[in-house]
Amino acid sequence: MHVHARCHCELCTAARAFSDRPLTRITILAHDPDGTLVKLLQAIKLAGNVGHSFSIVVDPDDEREQKFFWDGDGADSIRDVRVERLT
């Protein structure tokens, strides 16, 4: 694996972003037959890890609406999304 200080490939950028911050492992057991949750997490990773900050809105048509801010320019990033199919 190469990690170059001036390289802008995805691997080097991600390695630099995670090298100086502690990581948190989050485990989710879900029924996701169409891969919707995986696609959501990958979309957040793709948009957020390049420094884009944005809001994530859950249930916007209901009084229980929740908004979450993803700080892509700061502390928030996703290092990896792994999927393991259980039988």
C-alpha atoms as a PDB file:
ATOM      1  CA  MET A   1       0.000   0.000   0.000  1.00  0.00           C
ATOM      2  CA  HIS A   2       1.319   3.437  -0.854  1.00  0.00           C
ATOM      3  CA  VAL A   3       0.516   6.597   1.092  1.00  0.00           C
ATOM      4  CA  HIS A   4       2.080   9.664  -0.395  1.00  0.00           C
ATOM      5  CA  ALA A   5       1.913  13.106   1.177  1.00  0.00           C
ATOM      6  CA  ARG A   6       1.104  14.814  -2.132  1.00  0.00           C
ATOM      7  CA  CYS A   7      -0.925  12.051  -3.805  1.00  0.00           C
ATOM      8  CA  HIS A   8      -4.627  12.808  -4.276  1.00  0.00           C
ATOM      9  CA  CYS A   9      -5.885   9.293  -4.966  1.00  0.00           C
ATOM     10  CA  GLU A  10      -8.745   8.076  -2.752  1.00  0.00           C
ATOM     11  CA  LEU A  11      -6.537   5.647  -0.829  1.00  0.00           C
ATOM     12  CA  CYS A  12      -3.908   8.230   0.118  1.00  0.00           C
ATOM     13  CA  THR A  13      -6.496  10.883   0.962  1.00  0.00           C
ATOM     14  CA  ALA A  14      -8.396   8.481   3.244  1.00  0.00           C
ATOM     15  CA  ALA A  15      -5.206   7.238   4.913  1.00  0.00           C
ATOM     16  CA  ARG A  16      -4.109  10.794   5.727  1.00  0.00           C
ATOM     17  CA  ALA A  17      -7.572  11.724   7.010  1.00  0.00           C
ATOM     18  CA  PHE A  18      -7.658   8.817   9.444  1.00  0.00           C
ATOM     19  CA  SER A  19      -4.040   8.765  10.533  1.00  0.00           C
ATOM     20  CA  ASP A  20      -4.377  11.348  13.302  1.00  0.00           C
ATOM     21  CA  ARG A  21      -7.871  10.664  14.684  1.00  0.00           C
ATOM     22  CA  PRO A  22      -9.243   7.799  16.773  1.00  0.00           C
ATOM     23  CA  LEU A  23     -11.714   5.550  14.975  1.00  0.00           C
ATOM     24  CA  THR A  24     -15.051   4.180  16.165  1.00  0.00           C
ATOM     25  CA  ARG A  25     -16.294   0.803  14.922  1.00  0.00           C
ATOM     26  CA  ILE A  26     -20.063   0.807  14.439  1.00  0.00           C
ATOM     27  CA  THR A  27     -21.801  -2.530  13.907  1.00  0.00           C
ATOM     28  CA  ILE A  28     -25.276  -2.702  12.368  1.00  0.00           C
ATOM     29  CA  LEU A  29     -27.263  -5.924  12.014  1.00  0.00           C
ATOM     30  CA  ALA A  30     -30.038  -5.241   9.514  1.00  0.00           C
ATOM     31  CA  HIS A  31     -32.454  -6.763   7.048  1.00  0.00           C
ATOM     32  CA  ASP A  32     -31.280  -4.967   3.908  1.00  0.00           C
ATOM     33  CA  PRO A  33     -32.105  -7.282   0.980  1.00  0.00           C
ATOM     34  CA  ASP A  34     -31.889  -4.524  -1.642  1.00  0.00           C
ATOM     35  CA  GLY A  35     -28.745  -2.943  -0.179  1.00  0.00           C
ATOM     36  CA  THR A  36     -30.485   0.358   0.590  1.00  0.00           C
ATOM     37  CA  LEU A  37     -28.697   0.953   3.891  1.00  0.00           C
ATOM     38  CA  VAL A  38     -25.353   0.029   2.351  1.00  0.00           C
ATOM     39  CA  LYS A  39     -25.989   2.442  -0.547  1.00  0.00           C
ATOM     40  CA  LEU A  40     -26.893   5.208   1.924  1.00  0.00           C
ATOM     41  CA  LEU A  41     -23.691   4.713   3.930  1.00  0.00           C
ATOM     42  CA  GLN A  42     -21.596   4.574   0.759  1.00  0.00           C
ATOM     43  CA  ALA A  43     -23.223   7.775  -0.533  1.00  0.00           C
ATOM     44  CA  ILE A  44     -22.451   9.571   2.752  1.00  0.00           C
ATOM     45  CA  LYS A  45     -18.872   8.289   2.557  1.00  0.00           C
ATOM     46  CA  LEU A  46     -18.451   9.389  -1.059  1.00  0.00           C
ATOM     47  CA  ALA A  47     -19.855  12.889  -0.530  1.00  0.00           C
ATOM     48  CA  GLY A  48     -18.490  13.509   2.944  1.00  0.00           C
ATOM     49  CA  ASN A  49     -14.960  12.182   2.701  1.00  0.00           C
ATOM     50  CA  VAL A  50     -13.985  14.747   0.072  1.00  0.00           C
ATOM     51  CA  GLY A  51     -14.761  17.589   2.466  1.00  0.00           C
ATOM     52  CA  HIS A  52     -18.424  18.204   1.609  1.00  0.00           C
ATOM     53  CA  SER A  53     -20.610  19.091   4.620  1.00  0.00           C
ATOM     54  CA  PHE A  54     -24.361  18.518   4.435  1.00  0.00           C
ATOM     55  CA  SER A  55     -27.572  17.793   6.332  1.00  0.00           C
ATOM     56  CA  ILE A  56     -29.187  14.379   6.456  1.00  0.00           C
ATOM     57  CA  VAL A  57     -32.957  14.525   7.016  1.00  0.00           C
ATOM     58  CA  VAL A  58     -34.909  11.558   8.347  1.00  0.00           C
ATOM     59  CA  ASP A  59     -38.711  11.466   7.877  1.00  0.00           C
ATOM     60  CA  PRO A  60     -39.106  15.037   6.567  1.00  0.00           C
ATOM     61  CA  ASP A  61     -42.906  14.781   6.169  1.00  0.00           C
ATOM     62  CA  ASP A  62     -43.602  14.000   9.797  1.00  0.00           C
ATOM     63  CA  GLU A  63     -43.491  15.892  13.083  1.00  0.00           C
ATOM     64  CA  ARG A  64     -40.779  13.412  14.135  1.00  0.00           C
ATOM     65  CA  GLU A  65     -38.384  14.822  11.550  1.00  0.00           C
ATOM     66  CA  GLN A  66     -34.747  14.568  12.570  1.00  0.00           C
ATOM     67  CA  LYS A  67     -31.851  16.416  10.983  1.00  0.00           C
ATOM     68  CA  PHE A  68     -28.222  15.385  11.283  1.00  0.00           C
ATOM     69  CA  PHE A  69     -25.269  17.480  10.147  1.00  0.00           C
ATOM     70  CA  TRP A  70     -22.362  15.685   8.461  1.00  0.00           C
ATOM     71  CA  ASP A  71     -19.194  17.765   8.858  1.00  0.00           C
ATOM     72  CA  GLY A  72     -17.163  16.586   5.880  1.00  0.00           C
ATOM     73  CA  ASP A  73     -14.767  19.514   6.304  1.00  0.00           C
ATOM     74  CA  GLY A  74     -14.150  18.572   9.912  1.00  0.00           C
ATOM     75  CA  ALA A  75     -14.546  15.581  12.154  1.00  0.00           C
ATOM     76  CA  ASP A  76     -16.979  13.363  10.245  1.00  0.00           C
ATOM     77  CA  SER A  77     -15.793  10.722   7.816  1.00  0.00           C
ATOM     78  CA  ILE A  78     -16.322   7.052   7.033  1.00  0.00           C
ATOM     79  CA  ARG A  79     -13.238   4.935   6.545  1.00  0.00           C
ATOM     80  CA  ASP A  80     -14.878   1.759   5.302  1.00  0.00           C
ATOM     81  CA  VAL A  81     -18.264   0.155   4.673  1.00  0.00           C
ATOM     82  CA  ARG A  82     -18.134  -3.623   4.884  1.00  0.00           C
ATOM     83  CA  VAL A  83     -20.990  -5.987   4.183  1.00  0.00           C
ATOM     84  CA  GLU A  84     -21.133  -9.547   5.474  1.00  0.00           C
ATOM     85  CA  ARG A  85     -24.146 -11.616   4.492  1.00  0.00           C
ATOM     86  CA  LEU A  86     -25.245 -13.880   7.350  1.00  0.00           C
ATOM     87  CA  THR A  87     -27.278 -17.014   6.808  1.00  0.00           C
END
